C-alpha atoms as a PDB file:
ATOM      1  CA  MET A   1       0.000   0.000   0.000  1.00  0.00           C
ATOM      2  CA  ARG A   2       1.371   3.394  -1.061  1.00  0.00           C
ATOM      3  CA  ILE A   3       1.018   6.257   1.385  1.00  0.00           C
ATOM      4  CA  GLU A   4       0.707   9.710  -0.130  1.00  0.00           C
ATOM      5  CA  ARG A   5       2.645  12.288   1.795  1.00  0.00           C
ATOM      6  CA  PRO A   6       1.068  15.724   2.123  1.00  0.00           C
ATOM      7  CA  ARG A   7       2.593  18.215  -0.258  1.00  0.00           C
ATOM      8  CA  GLN A   8       4.524  20.970   1.405  1.00  0.00           C
ATOM      9  CA  VAL A   9       3.442  24.374   0.173  1.00  0.00           C
ATOM     10  CA  LEU A  10       6.008  27.085   0.463  1.00  0.00           C
ATOM     11  CA  GLU A  11       4.986  30.479   1.692  1.00  0.00           C
ATOM     12  CA  GLU A  12       6.020  32.133  -1.602  1.00  0.00           C
ATOM     13  CA  ASP A  13       3.762  29.712  -3.516  1.00  0.00           C
ATOM     14  CA  LYS A  14       0.783  30.888  -1.509  1.00  0.00           C
ATOM     15  CA  LEU A  15       1.523  34.515  -2.211  1.00  0.00           C
ATOM     16  CA  GLY A  16       2.347  33.951  -5.858  1.00  0.00           C
ATOM     17  CA  LYS A  17       5.298  35.187  -7.847  1.00  0.00           C
ATOM     18  CA  LYS A  18       5.697  38.503  -9.607  1.00  0.00           C
ATOM     19  CA  ILE A  19       7.307  38.689 -13.042  1.00  0.00           C
ATOM     20  CA  ALA A  20      10.063  41.275 -12.962  1.00  0.00           C
ATOM     21  CA  HIS A  21      10.492  41.654 -16.730  1.00  0.00           C
ATOM     22  CA  VAL A  22      10.039  39.931 -20.085  1.00  0.00           C
ATOM     23  CA  GLN A  23      12.882  39.923 -22.583  1.00  0.00           C
ATOM     24  CA  PHE A  24      12.698  38.961 -26.262  1.00  0.00           C
ATOM     25  CA  GLY A  25      15.633  38.052 -28.439  1.00  0.00           C
ATOM     26  CA  MET A  26      16.922  35.881 -31.243  1.00  0.00           C
ATOM     27  CA  PHE A  27      18.605  32.499 -31.039  1.00  0.00           C
ATOM     28  CA  GLY A  28      22.354  32.476 -31.429  1.00  0.00           C
ATOM     29  CA  ASN A  29      24.299  29.997 -33.553  1.00  0.00           C
ATOM     30  CA  GLU A  30      24.838  27.522 -30.720  1.00  0.00           C
ATOM     31  CA  GLU A  31      21.166  27.587 -29.699  1.00  0.00           C
ATOM     32  CA  VAL A  32      19.985  27.035 -33.279  1.00  0.00           C
ATOM     33  CA  GLU A  33      22.314  24.051 -33.715  1.00  0.00           C
ATOM     34  CA  ARG A  34      21.280  22.561 -30.369  1.00  0.00           C
ATOM     35  CA  LEU A  35      17.544  22.840 -31.049  1.00  0.00           C
ATOM     36  CA  ALA A  36      17.672  21.703 -34.690  1.00  0.00           C
ATOM     37  CA  GLU A  37      17.388  18.055 -35.706  1.00  0.00           C
ATOM     38  CA  PHE A  38      20.255  18.099 -38.229  1.00  0.00           C
ATOM     39  CA  GLU A  39      22.217  20.297 -40.633  1.00  0.00           C
ATOM     40  CA  VAL A  40      20.635  20.664 -44.067  1.00  0.00           C
ATOM     41  CA  THR A  41      23.408  20.094 -46.613  1.00  0.00           C
ATOM     42  CA  SER A  42      21.460  19.289 -49.796  1.00  0.00           C
ATOM     43  CA  ASP A  43      19.070  21.431 -51.834  1.00  0.00           C
ATOM     44  CA  ARG A  44      17.554  18.406 -53.547  1.00  0.00           C
ATOM     45  CA  GLY A  45      14.018  17.310 -52.703  1.00  0.00           C
ATOM     46  CA  TYR A  46      13.450  13.741 -53.879  1.00  0.00           C
ATOM     47  CA  GLU A  47      15.404  10.772 -55.185  1.00  0.00           C
ATOM     48  CA  GLN A  48      13.947   9.563 -58.473  1.00  0.00           C
ATOM     49  CA  PRO A  49      12.183   7.442 -59.600  1.00  0.00           C
ATOM     50  CA  GLY A  50      10.762   6.461 -56.181  1.00  0.00           C
ATOM     51  CA  ARG A  51      10.324  10.063 -54.972  1.00  0.00           C
ATOM     52  CA  THR A  52      12.103   9.271 -51.706  1.00  0.00           C
ATOM     53  CA  PRO A  53      13.112  12.362 -49.726  1.00  0.00           C
ATOM     54  CA  VAL A  54      16.859  13.022 -49.923  1.00  0.00           C
ATOM     55  CA  SER A  55      18.676  12.499 -46.631  1.00  0.00           C
ATOM     56  CA  ASN A  56      19.817  15.809 -45.071  1.00  0.00           C
ATOM     57  CA  GLY A  57      17.771  17.635 -47.710  1.00  0.00           C
ATOM     58  CA  VAL A  58      15.025  20.201 -47.451  1.00  0.00           C
ATOM     59  CA  LEU A  59      12.322  17.493 -47.462  1.00  0.00           C
ATOM     60  CA  ASP A  60      14.008  15.054 -45.077  1.00  0.00           C
ATOM     61  CA  ARG A  61      11.316  13.180 -43.112  1.00  0.00           C
ATOM     62  CA  ARG A  62      12.987  14.141 -39.838  1.00  0.00           C
ATOM     63  CA  LEU A  63      11.573  17.636 -40.451  1.00  0.00           C
ATOM     64  CA  GLY A  64       8.024  16.310 -40.695  1.00  0.00           C
ATOM     65  CA  ILE A  65       5.892  14.864 -43.467  1.00  0.00           C
ATOM     66  CA  SER A  66       3.373  16.267 -45.948  1.00  0.00           C
ATOM     67  CA  ASP A  67       1.444  13.109 -46.871  1.00  0.00           C
ATOM     68  CA  LYS A  68      -1.008  10.816 -45.098  1.00  0.00           C
ATOM     69  CA  HIS A  69       0.894   7.570 -45.696  1.00  0.00           C
ATOM     70  CA  ASN A  70       4.161   8.072 -43.774  1.00  0.00           C
ATOM     71  CA  SER A  71       5.210   8.999 -40.248  1.00  0.00           C
ATOM     72  CA  CYS A  72       7.634  11.638 -39.044  1.00  0.00           C
ATOM     73  CA  GLU A  73      11.056  10.118 -38.387  1.00  0.00           C
ATOM     74  CA  THR A  74      11.591  12.434 -35.391  1.00  0.00           C
ATOM     75  CA  CYS A  75       8.410  12.120 -33.339  1.00  0.00           C
ATOM     76  CA  GLY A  76       6.794   9.136 -35.104  1.00  0.00           C
ATOM     77  CA  MET A  77       3.476  10.931 -35.583  1.00  0.00           C
ATOM     78  CA  ARG A  78       1.350  11.284 -38.688  1.00  0.00           C
ATOM     79  CA  MET A  79       0.760  14.494 -40.612  1.00  0.00           C
ATOM     80  CA  GLN A  80      -2.248  15.644 -38.570  1.00  0.00           C
ATOM     81  CA  ASP A  81      -0.384  15.273 -35.241  1.00  0.00           C
ATOM     82  CA  CYS A  82       3.242  16.136 -36.079  1.00  0.00           C
ATOM     83  CA  PRO A  83       4.030  19.760 -35.154  1.00  0.00           C
ATOM     84  CA  GLY A  84       6.967  19.882 -37.577  1.00  0.00           C
ATOM     85  CA  HIS A  85      10.670  20.171 -36.787  1.00  0.00           C
ATOM     86  CA  PHE A  86      13.470  22.275 -38.178  1.00  0.00           C
ATOM     87  CA  GLY A  87      17.049  21.955 -39.311  1.00  0.00           C
ATOM     88  CA  TYR A  88      19.707  24.584 -39.861  1.00  0.00           C
ATOM     89  CA  ILE A  89      21.774  25.728 -42.833  1.00  0.00           C
ATOM     90  CA  ARG A  90      25.368  26.833 -42.300  1.00  0.00           C
ATOM     91  CA  LEU A  91      25.865  29.981 -44.400  1.00  0.00           C
ATOM     92  CA  GLU A  92      29.225  30.566 -46.090  1.00  0.00           C
ATOM     93  CA  LEU A  93      28.728  34.357 -46.219  1.00  0.00           C
ATOM     94  CA  PRO A  94      26.747  36.828 -44.083  1.00  0.00           C
ATOM     95  CA  VAL A  95      23.149  37.366 -45.193  1.00  0.00           C
ATOM     96  CA  LEU A  96      20.894  40.281 -44.283  1.00  0.00           C
ATOM     97  CA  HIS A  97      17.963  39.272 -42.099  1.00  0.00           C
ATOM     98  CA  ILE A  98      14.789  40.055 -44.064  1.00  0.00           C
ATOM     99  CA  GLY A  99      13.062  41.183 -40.870  1.00  0.00           C
ATOM    100  CA  TYR A 100      15.640  43.931 -40.270  1.00  0.00           C
ATOM    101  CA  LEU A 101      16.328  44.989 -43.860  1.00  0.00           C
ATOM    102  CA  LYS A 102      14.164  48.124 -43.730  1.00  0.00           C
ATOM    103  CA  GLN A 103      15.807  49.282 -40.483  1.00  0.00           C
ATOM    104  CA  THR A 104      19.280  48.491 -41.877  1.00  0.00           C
ATOM    105  CA  VAL A 105      18.680  50.647 -44.960  1.00  0.00           C
ATOM    106  CA  ALA A 106      17.381  53.483 -42.742  1.00  0.00           C
ATOM    107  CA  VAL A 107      20.553  53.392 -40.614  1.00  0.00           C
ATOM    108  CA  LEU A 108      22.775  53.366 -43.711  1.00  0.00           C
ATOM    109  CA  GLN A 109      20.924  56.407 -45.030  1.00  0.00           C
ATOM    110  CA  CYS A 110      21.721  58.273 -41.799  1.00  0.00           C
ATOM    111  CA  ILE A 111      25.445  57.594 -41.394  1.00  0.00           C
ATOM    112  CA  CYS A 112      28.535  58.467 -43.390  1.00  0.00           C
ATOM    113  CA  LYS A 113      29.908  55.458 -45.226  1.00  0.00           C
ATOM    114  CA  THR A 114      33.479  56.656 -44.532  1.00  0.00           C
ATOM    115  CA  CYS A 115      33.587  57.817 -40.886  1.00  0.00           C
ATOM    116  CA  SER A 116      30.298  56.224 -39.677  1.00  0.00           C
ATOM    117  CA  ARG A 117      29.096  59.477 -38.062  1.00  0.00           C
ATOM    118  CA  ILE A 118      25.548  60.740 -38.518  1.00  0.00           C
ATOM    119  CA  LEU A 119      25.013  62.940 -41.574  1.00  0.00           C
ATOM    120  CA  LEU A 120      23.772  65.917 -39.567  1.00  0.00           C
ATOM    121  CA  PRO A 121      25.543  69.209 -38.803  1.00  0.00           C
ATOM    122  CA  PRO A 122      26.190  69.759 -35.079  1.00  0.00           C
ATOM    123  CA  LYS A 123      23.320  72.254 -34.807  1.00  0.00           C
ATOM    124  CA  ASP A 124      20.735  69.877 -36.330  1.00  0.00           C
ATOM    125  CA  ARG A 125      22.133  66.951 -34.372  1.00  0.00           C
ATOM    126  CA  LEU A 126      21.622  68.834 -31.101  1.00  0.00           C
ATOM    127  CA  LYS A 127      18.068  69.774 -32.096  1.00  0.00           C
ATOM    128  CA  PHE A 128      17.052  66.193 -32.936  1.00  0.00           C
ATOM    129  CA  THR A 129      18.792  64.851 -29.822  1.00  0.00           C
ATOM    130  CA  LYS A 130      16.685  67.150 -27.636  1.00  0.00           C
ATOM    131  CA  ALA A 131      13.555  66.035 -29.505  1.00  0.00           C
ATOM    132  CA  MET A 132      14.405  62.364 -28.915  1.00  0.00           C
ATOM    133  CA  LEU A 133      15.092  62.927 -25.204  1.00  0.00           C
ATOM    134  CA  HIS A 134      11.885  64.877 -24.630  1.00  0.00           C
ATOM    135  CA  PRO A 135       9.673  63.149 -21.986  1.00  0.00           C
ATOM    136  CA  LEU A 136       6.683  63.022 -24.367  1.00  0.00           C
ATOM    137  CA  THR A 137       8.821  61.415 -27.079  1.00  0.00           C
ATOM    138  CA  GLN A 138      10.167  58.823 -24.650  1.00  0.00           C
ATOM    139  CA  THR A 139       6.654  57.595 -23.818  1.00  0.00           C
ATOM    140  CA  ASP A 140       4.976  58.007 -27.227  1.00  0.00           C
ATOM    141  CA  SER A 141       6.104  55.541 -29.913  1.00  0.00           C
ATOM    142  CA  VAL A 142       4.251  57.432 -32.671  1.00  0.00           C
ATOM    143  CA  ARG A 143       5.981  60.699 -31.804  1.00  0.00           C
ATOM    144  CA  ARG A 144       9.348  58.945 -31.544  1.00  0.00           C
ATOM    145  CA  ALA A 145       8.849  57.374 -34.988  1.00  0.00           C
ATOM    146  CA  GLY A 146       7.990  60.800 -36.392  1.00  0.00           C
ATOM    147  CA  VAL A 147      11.228  62.309 -35.097  1.00  0.00           C
ATOM    148  CA  PHE A 148      13.248  59.426 -36.505  1.00  0.00           C
ATOM    149  CA  LYS A 149      11.517  59.851 -39.876  1.00  0.00           C
ATOM    150  CA  LYS A 150      12.560  63.514 -39.961  1.00  0.00           C
ATOM    151  CA  VAL A 151      16.158  62.514 -39.157  1.00  0.00           C
ATOM    152  CA  VAL A 152      16.215  60.033 -42.050  1.00  0.00           C
ATOM    153  CA  GLU A 153      14.719  62.568 -44.470  1.00  0.00           C
ATOM    154  CA  ARG A 154      17.291  65.193 -43.487  1.00  0.00           C
ATOM    155  CA  CYS A 155      20.208  62.765 -43.760  1.00  0.00           C
ATOM    156  CA  LYS A 156      19.095  61.484 -47.192  1.00  0.00           C
ATOM    157  CA  LYS A 157      19.567  64.987 -48.594  1.00  0.00           C
ATOM    158  CA  ALA A 158      23.196  65.200 -47.414  1.00  0.00           C
ATOM    159  CA  LYS A 159      25.611  64.787 -50.329  1.00  0.00           C
ATOM    160  CA  GLU A 160      28.727  65.325 -48.221  1.00  0.00           C
ATOM    161  CA  CYS A 161      29.517  64.325 -44.664  1.00  0.00           C
ATOM    162  CA  PRO A 162      29.588  67.445 -42.436  1.00  0.00           C
ATOM    163  CA  HIS A 163      32.384  65.877 -40.368  1.00  0.00           C
ATOM    164  CA  CYS A 164      34.892  64.292 -42.797  1.00  0.00           C
ATOM    165  CA  GLY A 165      33.705  65.734 -46.130  1.00  0.00           C
ATOM    166  CA  ALA A 166      33.325  62.320 -47.792  1.00  0.00           C
ATOM    167  CA  LEU A 167      30.795  61.939 -50.587  1.00  0.00           C
ATOM    168  CA  ASN A 168      27.521  60.276 -49.686  1.00  0.00           C
ATOM    169  CA  GLY A 169      24.545  59.493 -51.847  1.00  0.00           C
ATOM    170  CA  LEU A 170      21.320  57.571 -52.000  1.00  0.00           C
ATOM    171  CA  VAL A 171      21.141  54.194 -50.243  1.00  0.00           C
ATOM    172  CA  LYS A 172      18.308  52.042 -51.520  1.00  0.00           C
ATOM    173  CA  ARG A 173      17.075  48.503 -51.707  1.00  0.00           C
ATOM    174  CA  VAL A 174      17.284  46.828 -55.110  1.00  0.00           C
ATOM    175  CA  GLY A 175      15.476  43.563 -55.715  1.00  0.00           C
ATOM    176  CA  CYS A 176      14.878  41.256 -52.795  1.00  0.00           C
ATOM    177  CA  MET A 177      18.005  41.435 -50.646  1.00  0.00           C
ATOM    178  CA  ARG A 178      20.436  43.829 -52.376  1.00  0.00           C
ATOM    179  CA  VAL A 179      21.386  47.245 -51.003  1.00  0.00           C
ATOM    180  CA  VAL A 180      23.269  49.759 -53.180  1.00  0.00           C
ATOM    181  CA  HIS A 181      24.949  53.088 -52.427  1.00  0.00           C
ATOM    182  CA  GLU A 182      24.838  55.584 -55.313  1.00  0.00           C
ATOM    183  CA  LYS A 183      27.248  58.214 -54.042  1.00  0.00           C
ATOM    184  CA  LEU A 184      28.202  59.509 -57.524  1.00  0.00           C
ATOM    185  CA  ALA A 185      24.662  59.903 -58.845  1.00  0.00           C
ATOM    186  CA  LYS A 186      23.635  63.371 -60.074  1.00  0.00           C
ATOM    187  CA  GLN A 187      26.770  65.105 -58.822  1.00  0.00           C
ATOM    188  CA  THR A 188      27.702  68.377 -60.529  1.00  0.00           C
ATOM    189  CA  GLY A 189      30.329  71.112 -60.295  1.00  0.00           C
ATOM    190  CA  GLN A 190      33.282  70.813 -57.933  1.00  0.00           C
ATOM    191  CA  THR A 191      31.795  67.781 -56.169  1.00  0.00           C
ATOM    192  CA  ALA A 192      31.647  65.797 -59.414  1.00  0.00           C
ATOM    193  CA  GLU A 193      35.152  66.896 -60.407  1.00  0.00           C
ATOM    194  CA  ARG A 194      36.593  65.828 -57.059  1.00  0.00           C
ATOM    195  CA  ALA A 195      34.822  62.468 -57.262  1.00  0.00           C
ATOM    196  CA  ARG A 196      36.221  61.959 -60.765  1.00  0.00           C
ATOM    197  CA  ARG A 197      39.765  62.727 -59.600  1.00  0.00           C
ATOM    198  CA  ASP A 198      39.453  60.367 -56.631  1.00  0.00           C
ATOM    199  CA  PHE A 199      38.233  57.593 -58.929  1.00  0.00           C
ATOM    200  CA  GLU A 200      41.086  58.132 -61.423  1.00  0.00           C
ATOM    201  CA  LEU A 201      43.607  58.119 -58.558  1.00  0.00           C
ATOM    202  CA  SER A 202      42.213  54.855 -57.198  1.00  0.00           C
ATOM    203  CA  MET A 203      42.529  53.267 -60.656  1.00  0.00           C
ATOM    204  CA  GLU A 204      46.154  54.404 -60.980  1.00  0.00           C
ATOM    205  CA  GLN A 205      46.950  52.769 -57.636  1.00  0.00           C
ATOM    206  CA  ALA A 206      45.127  49.524 -58.511  1.00  0.00           C
ATOM    207  CA  PRO A 207      47.172  46.319 -59.034  1.00  0.00           C
ATOM    208  CA  LEU A 208      48.365  45.571 -62.575  1.00  0.00           C
ATOM    209  CA  GLY A 209      46.166  42.491 -62.879  1.00  0.00           C
ATOM    210  CA  LEU A 210      43.035  44.530 -62.145  1.00  0.00           C
ATOM    211  CA  GLY A 211      44.019  47.150 -64.724  1.00  0.00           C
ATOM    212  CA  LEU A 212      44.566  44.506 -67.409  1.00  0.00           C
ATOM    213  CA  GLY A 213      41.260  42.867 -66.593  1.00  0.00           C
ATOM    214  CA  LEU A 214      39.391  46.143 -67.007  1.00  0.00           C
ATOM    215  CA  GLY A 215      41.264  47.070 -70.153  1.00  0.00           C
ATOM    216  CA  LEU A 216      40.519  43.774 -71.870  1.00  0.00           C
ATOM    217  CA  GLY A 217      36.879  43.808 -70.806  1.00  0.00           C
ATOM    218  CA  LEU A 218      37.274  40.632 -68.735  1.00  0.00           C
END
């Protein structure tokens, strides 16, 4: 006969617990690898002619199944019960996160691409800093977004950095994931002449192999 012992209730359990804060973030590389089932190393879907999912591919049955005849090789459940699982892909080069692309372009429009300082004269910088630190701006997300929008609009008009004098131009998104910087677009007068001289000087200092490649149209 099994005797159930009375459960001891701590005093803090009676009073309840108070959540101090909630923090959101993204998984790091080690967390993604630990939580994933395997590393996806093949972009192929099926092996022909039997249409068998390729091992370590994007349709590997360890990730879940999409038909009513097979079971998931991770949890053993059928399609209607399997929640789905994920793998990870090891990238050879850095890739922009699609969720932060708009914010990344906005930051690039605001900073000098040479000295990384904001493209605002000291007077305007002080004015916008005071606007950002205003108590109403700190508590109102709409007002804060409006101030940031004005900063971006002002910085987009800057052709030269007010701090180092480097040329800056339009930063825009092209296609799905490409960001370009057109710093020589629509430049006239002394600015265009200086940019032309800097470009010619950089070509004169380029390695011989690069000069031959450009000359031959390779």
